[in-house]
Amino acid sequence: MRVAGPYVGPVVDSLWWRGVAGVLALVLPSACGSDPVPGTPRAVPSVVTTTSAEPPPKRVGTYGPGDCLAIVDNAFQPVGCEREHEAEVVLSDHLPHGFPADFPPVGTTISPTCRTALAAYLAGPDAEATRLEHRVLWPTREQWAAGERWFACAMLERGPDNKAATRTGSLKGALSAGLGALRRCYAGEPLDEPARVVPCDQPHRSEAVPGVVRLGSHTDPVPSYRTMMELSLAPCTRAVEAYLGGSRPGVTAHSVMPAPEYWSSGATYAVCYAISAEPVTGTLGAR
């Protein structure tokens, strides 16, 4: 068994948050364990965007669930989802009672709520295995001074250059049929520095598979690296074998675990990866 050491993910471009009423919630720091999975794969469903006749979700503050936001002059501007945009709001709500009054706020205590909201909005449990990441948005300084106390959870897609990718259309329900085109792939391995996220139809060696592994609650003490590895490695090996439809020479199963300092923000899941010794184009699970 080959075990990798601690890993800190790439720094997100400051455009994601500079000058916007929001803060960076998570930058994918992790550690990694692996076991060989030497395959005949099964087909992978494509992303399906669903619509719903549900009543309008609760809207609090400037943004509401389903709003699409474009970055214009380093600020988020609501636009129709049919237009190009970088972000989509999945939840807005009042800040909890007793939240610190200092500005700017700190998003750590809100991040677990945003993670849960993201999974519910996407209608799938494996958001951590996609290129989507959440950000916490706040009132502006002027709104804060006027007494507004709300937050919004927005999702953005990490592009190949580690900037926010643009898209058209809503992602509501996008994981109801599996990871599809939102699957996270790396040109190399997750431990590479810098780790470069690429679309899976481009040459890559690492790709996330369905079945993230919950390692505990953000309110629990942070498990040791060894404990996280023991909890995640066997499930990830099984997940990769299921994804491939068996074992395949030259493919390794990895469990990529959260860095301890991000545990309290809700980074409590290990993500399972299939890593190929040689670059591939298209997903390993679709061959």
Protein backbone atom coordinates (compact mmCIF):
# COMPACT_ATOMS: atom_id res chain seq x y z
CA MET A 1 0.00 0.00 0.00
CA ARG A 2 1.31 3.42 -0.93
CA VAL A 3 0.36 6.26 1.39
CA ALA A 4 0.82 9.89 0.44
CA GLY A 5 1.64 12.67 2.85
CA PRO A 6 -0.23 15.85 3.81
CA TYR A 7 -1.53 17.98 0.95
CA VAL A 8 -2.67 21.54 0.68
CA GLY A 9 -4.72 22.34 -2.40
CA PRO A 10 -4.20 25.21 -4.84
CA VAL A 11 -4.94 28.78 -3.88
CA VAL A 12 -8.13 30.04 -5.48
CA ASP A 13 -7.73 33.15 -7.60
CA SER A 14 -8.61 36.26 -5.62
CA LEU A 15 -11.23 37.23 -8.22
CA TRP A 16 -13.49 34.67 -6.55
CA TRP A 17 -13.95 36.92 -3.57
CA ARG A 18 -12.06 40.20 -3.84
CA GLY A 19 -14.45 43.14 -3.78
CA VAL A 20 -17.48 40.88 -3.35
CA ALA A 21 -19.76 40.61 -0.30
CA GLY A 22 -18.39 37.14 0.39
CA VAL A 23 -15.47 35.19 1.78
CA LEU A 24 -13.50 32.19 0.74
CA ALA A 25 -14.97 29.21 2.55
CA LEU A 26 -12.67 26.35 1.56
CA VAL A 27 -9.59 25.74 -0.58
CA LEU A 28 -9.62 21.97 -0.85
CA PRO A 29 -6.77 21.11 1.50
CA SER A 30 -6.39 17.39 2.02
CA ALA A 31 -4.26 14.36 2.67
CA CYS A 32 -4.23 11.20 0.64
CA GLY A 33 -4.02 7.44 1.09
CA SER A 34 -4.00 4.80 -1.63
CA ASP A 35 -4.23 1.12 -2.41
CA PRO A 36 -3.66 -0.58 -5.78
CA VAL A 37 -6.72 -1.43 -7.85
CA PRO A 38 -5.25 -3.15 -10.79
CA GLY A 39 -10.66 -3.24 -15.39
CA THR A 40 -13.72 -3.38 -17.24
CA PRO A 41 -15.78 -0.29 -16.49
CA ARG A 42 -19.43 0.58 -16.55
CA ALA A 43 -21.09 3.52 -18.24
CA VAL A 44 -21.36 6.80 -16.35
CA PRO A 45 -24.60 8.80 -16.57
CA SER A 46 -24.43 12.36 -17.82
CA VAL A 47 -25.50 15.38 -15.78
CA VAL A 48 -29.24 15.94 -15.79
CA THR A 49 -30.68 19.32 -14.86
CA THR A 50 -34.12 18.96 -13.37
CA THR A 51 -36.98 21.38 -12.92
CA SER A 52 -39.45 21.39 -10.08
CA ALA A 53 -42.96 22.62 -9.37
CA GLU A 54 -42.08 23.19 -5.69
CA PRO A 55 -43.06 26.52 -4.11
CA PRO A 56 -40.42 29.27 -4.28
CA PRO A 57 -37.65 28.73 -1.68
CA LYS A 58 -37.14 31.16 1.17
CA ARG A 59 -35.36 34.33 0.12
CA VAL A 60 -33.46 36.35 2.71
CA GLY A 61 -31.30 39.37 1.96
CA THR A 62 -29.91 40.32 -1.43
CA TYR A 63 -29.75 36.82 -2.91
CA GLY A 64 -32.13 33.88 -3.06
CA PRO A 65 -31.83 30.20 -4.00
CA GLY A 66 -31.72 29.76 -7.75
CA ASP A 67 -30.20 33.19 -8.42
CA CYS A 68 -27.36 33.10 -10.93
CA LEU A 69 -24.54 35.60 -10.40
CA ALA A 70 -21.99 36.94 -12.85
CA ILE A 71 -18.74 38.53 -11.71
CA VAL A 72 -18.75 42.10 -13.06
CA ASP A 73 -16.03 44.54 -11.93
CA ASN A 74 -15.07 42.13 -9.13
CA ALA A 75 -18.60 42.07 -7.74
CA PHE A 76 -21.45 39.59 -8.05
CA GLN A 77 -24.31 40.80 -10.23
CA PRO A 78 -27.57 38.81 -10.55
CA VAL A 79 -28.30 37.74 -14.13
CA GLY A 80 -30.68 35.34 -15.80
CA CYS A 81 -29.37 31.79 -15.61
CA GLU A 82 -29.55 31.55 -19.41
CA ARG A 83 -26.71 34.09 -19.51
CA GLU A 84 -23.09 33.27 -18.72
CA HIS A 85 -22.42 33.37 -15.00
CA GLU A 86 -19.93 32.09 -12.44
CA ALA A 87 -22.08 31.43 -9.37
CA GLU A 88 -25.47 30.05 -8.40
CA VAL A 89 -27.11 30.58 -5.02
CA VAL A 90 -28.32 27.44 -3.22
CA LEU A 91 -29.50 28.93 0.10
CA SER A 92 -30.09 32.25 1.83
CA ASP A 93 -31.06 32.73 5.46
CA HIS A 94 -30.72 34.91 8.54
CA LEU A 95 -27.49 34.66 10.49
CA PRO A 96 -27.94 32.62 13.67
CA HIS A 97 -28.60 34.39 16.96
CA GLY A 98 -25.40 35.39 18.70
CA PHE A 99 -23.34 35.58 15.50
CA PRO A 100 -20.37 37.94 16.05
CA ALA A 101 -21.10 41.56 15.16
CA ASP A 102 -17.65 42.28 13.71
CA PHE A 103 -17.28 42.99 9.99
CA PRO A 104 -16.21 41.25 7.85
CA PRO A 105 -17.77 38.06 9.22
CA VAL A 106 -15.97 34.72 9.35
CA GLY A 107 -17.62 31.96 7.32
CA THR A 108 -16.35 28.90 9.18
CA THR A 109 -19.48 28.45 11.28
CA ILE A 110 -21.75 28.85 8.24
CA SER A 111 -19.81 26.54 5.92
CA PRO A 112 -21.31 23.28 7.29
CA THR A 113 -24.79 24.67 6.57
CA CYS A 114 -23.72 25.58 3.03
CA ARG A 115 -22.32 22.10 2.40
CA THR A 116 -25.62 20.52 3.42
CA ALA A 117 -27.56 23.00 1.30
CA LEU A 118 -25.31 22.34 -1.70
CA ALA A 119 -25.94 18.58 -1.57
CA ALA A 120 -29.70 19.14 -1.27
CA TYR A 121 -29.76 21.63 -4.16
CA LEU A 122 -27.77 19.29 -6.42
CA ALA A 123 -29.89 16.29 -5.36
CA GLY A 124 -26.88 14.07 -4.78
CA PRO A 125 -24.48 13.19 -1.95
CA ASP A 126 -21.21 13.52 -3.87
CA ALA A 127 -20.75 17.28 -4.30
CA GLU A 128 -17.28 16.95 -2.78
CA ALA A 129 -16.28 14.81 -5.78
CA THR A 130 -17.20 17.51 -8.31
CA ARG A 131 -15.52 20.69 -9.49
CA LEU A 132 -18.15 22.67 -7.56
CA GLU A 133 -17.17 24.54 -4.40
CA HIS A 134 -19.22 26.69 -2.07
CA ARG A 135 -18.70 30.26 -0.99
CA VAL A 136 -20.44 32.20 1.77
CA LEU A 137 -21.82 35.60 0.74
CA TRP A 138 -22.59 38.39 3.21
CA PRO A 139 -24.16 41.85 3.26
CA THR A 140 -21.96 44.69 2.07
CA ARG A 141 -20.28 46.83 4.70
CA GLU A 142 -23.02 49.42 4.24
CA GLN A 143 -25.78 46.84 4.62
CA TRP A 144 -24.04 45.43 7.70
CA ALA A 145 -23.81 48.87 9.27
CA ALA A 146 -27.53 49.30 8.59
CA GLY A 147 -28.25 46.16 10.61
CA GLU A 148 -28.70 43.55 7.88
CA ARG A 149 -27.68 40.10 9.12
CA TRP A 150 -28.05 37.43 6.46
CA PHE A 151 -25.89 35.00 4.55
CA ALA A 152 -26.14 33.21 1.23
CA CYS A 153 -24.47 30.00 0.05
CA ALA A 154 -23.27 30.13 -3.54
CA MET A 155 -21.56 27.47 -5.64
CA LEU A 156 -18.85 28.10 -8.19
CA GLU A 157 -17.01 25.74 -10.50
CA ARG A 158 -13.24 25.56 -10.36
CA GLY A 159 -11.78 25.91 -13.86
CA PRO A 160 -8.50 24.54 -15.22
CA ASP A 161 -6.69 27.77 -14.29
CA ASN A 162 -8.13 27.65 -10.75
CA LYS A 163 -10.40 30.59 -11.56
CA ALA A 164 -14.18 30.44 -11.48
CA ALA A 165 -15.50 28.85 -14.68
CA THR A 166 -18.49 30.37 -16.48
CA ARG A 167 -21.57 28.40 -17.55
CA THR A 168 -25.14 28.87 -18.70
CA GLY A 169 -28.22 27.20 -17.21
CA SER A 170 -29.03 26.12 -13.66
CA LEU A 171 -27.37 23.22 -11.86
CA LYS A 172 -30.35 22.49 -9.62
CA GLY A 173 -30.70 18.69 -9.41
CA ALA A 174 -27.53 18.19 -11.48
CA LEU A 175 -26.26 15.23 -9.42
CA SER A 176 -29.55 13.30 -9.45
CA ALA A 177 -28.12 10.97 -12.11
CA GLY A 178 -24.53 10.85 -10.85
CA LEU A 179 -21.40 12.96 -11.18
CA GLY A 180 -21.54 13.19 -14.96
CA ALA A 181 -19.70 16.12 -16.53
CA LEU A 182 -19.14 17.75 -13.12
CA ARG A 183 -16.73 15.03 -11.99
CA ARG A 184 -13.45 16.39 -10.65
CA CYS A 185 -10.41 15.31 -12.65
CA TYR A 186 -6.77 16.30 -12.18
CA ALA A 187 -4.12 16.47 -14.87
CA GLY A 188 -1.79 14.68 -12.47
CA GLU A 189 -2.42 13.50 -8.92
CA PRO A 190 -4.25 15.36 -6.14
CA LEU A 191 -0.90 15.65 -4.30
CA ASP A 192 0.80 17.48 -7.15
CA GLU A 193 1.65 21.13 -6.55
CA PRO A 194 0.04 22.96 -8.09
CA ALA A 195 -2.84 20.52 -8.46
CA ARG A 196 -4.49 21.30 -11.81
CA VAL A 197 -8.21 20.58 -12.22
CA VAL A 198 -9.20 19.80 -15.81
CA PRO A 199 -12.38 18.67 -17.60
CA CYS A 200 -12.41 14.88 -17.76
CA ASP A 201 -12.52 14.92 -21.57
CA GLN A 202 -9.00 16.33 -21.49
CA PRO A 203 -5.86 14.27 -20.70
CA HIS A 204 -5.75 13.50 -17.00
CA ARG A 205 -4.54 10.85 -14.56
CA SER A 206 -6.90 11.30 -11.60
CA GLU A 207 -10.69 11.26 -11.48
CA ALA A 208 -13.14 11.25 -8.61
CA VAL A 209 -15.59 8.36 -8.34
CA PRO A 210 -19.06 8.22 -6.73
CA GLY A 211 -19.14 7.48 -3.02
CA VAL A 212 -17.56 10.11 -0.77
CA VAL A 213 -16.79 8.76 2.70
CA ARG A 214 -18.10 10.59 5.76
CA LEU A 215 -15.40 10.64 8.44
CA GLY A 216 -17.43 12.22 11.23
CA SER A 217 -19.20 15.44 12.22
CA HIS A 218 -17.62 18.89 12.17
CA THR A 219 -18.54 19.12 15.86
CA ASP A 220 -16.44 16.02 16.66
CA PRO A 221 -12.76 16.19 17.56
CA VAL A 222 -10.58 16.07 14.47
CA PRO A 223 -9.57 12.44 13.74
CA SER A 224 -5.92 11.63 13.28
CA TYR A 225 -4.54 11.15 9.79
CA ARG A 226 -4.21 7.43 10.48
CA THR A 227 -7.83 7.20 11.61
CA MET A 228 -9.07 9.05 8.53
CA MET A 229 -7.02 6.77 6.31
CA GLU A 230 -8.34 3.64 8.04
CA LEU A 231 -11.92 4.87 7.68
CA SER A 232 -11.61 5.82 4.01
CA LEU A 233 -9.15 3.54 2.27
CA ALA A 234 -11.20 0.33 2.14
CA PRO A 235 -14.46 2.08 1.09
CA CYS A 236 -12.55 3.99 -1.58
CA THR A 237 -10.95 0.81 -2.90
CA ARG A 238 -14.42 -0.74 -3.19
CA ALA A 239 -15.82 2.43 -4.80
CA VAL A 240 -13.08 2.48 -7.44
CA GLU A 241 -13.54 -1.21 -8.20
CA ALA A 242 -17.28 -0.66 -8.60
CA TYR A 243 -16.64 2.32 -10.84
CA LEU A 244 -14.25 0.38 -13.06
CA GLY A 245 -16.41 -2.73 -13.07
CA GLY A 246 -13.55 -4.74 -11.56
CA SER A 247 -9.82 -4.34 -11.20
CA ARG A 248 -7.57 -2.82 -13.84
CA PRO A 249 -3.77 -2.93 -14.14
CA GLY A 250 -2.18 0.47 -13.78
CA VAL A 251 -5.06 2.05 -11.84
CA THR A 252 -4.75 2.92 -8.16
CA ALA A 253 -7.45 3.74 -5.62
CA HIS A 254 -6.81 6.81 -3.47
CA SER A 255 -8.66 8.38 -0.58
CA VAL A 256 -8.17 12.13 -0.44
CA MET A 257 -8.86 13.42 3.05
CA PRO A 258 -9.52 16.89 4.48
CA ALA A 259 -6.78 18.81 6.23
CA PRO A 260 -7.45 19.03 10.01
CA GLU A 261 -7.60 22.83 10.05
CA TYR A 262 -10.68 22.76 7.82
CA TRP A 263 -12.57 20.12 9.78
CA SER A 264 -14.70 22.63 11.72
CA SER A 265 -15.87 24.21 8.45
CA GLY A 266 -17.53 20.92 7.49
CA ALA A 267 -14.69 19.42 5.46
CA THR A 268 -15.36 15.98 6.95
CA TYR A 269 -15.49 13.78 3.85
CA ALA A 270 -12.86 11.73 2.06
CA VAL A 271 -13.12 11.73 -1.72
CA CYS A 272 -12.30 8.54 -3.62
CA TYR A 273 -10.12 8.76 -6.72
CA ALA A 274 -9.11 6.39 -9.47
CA ILE A 275 -5.58 7.28 -10.55
CA SER A 276 -4.11 5.99 -13.79
CA ALA A 277 -0.39 5.47 -14.28
CA GLU A 278 -0.74 7.02 -17.75
CA PRO A 279 -2.87 9.98 -18.87
CA VAL A 280 -6.31 9.12 -20.26
CA THR A 281 -8.89 11.15 -22.18
CA GLY A 282 -12.49 10.54 -21.17
CA THR A 283 -13.47 8.89 -17.93
CA LEU A 284 -12.01 5.55 -16.90
CA GLY A 285 -15.51 4.42 -16.00
CA ALA A 286 -16.79 4.93 -19.55
CA ARG A 287 -14.33 2.62 -21.31
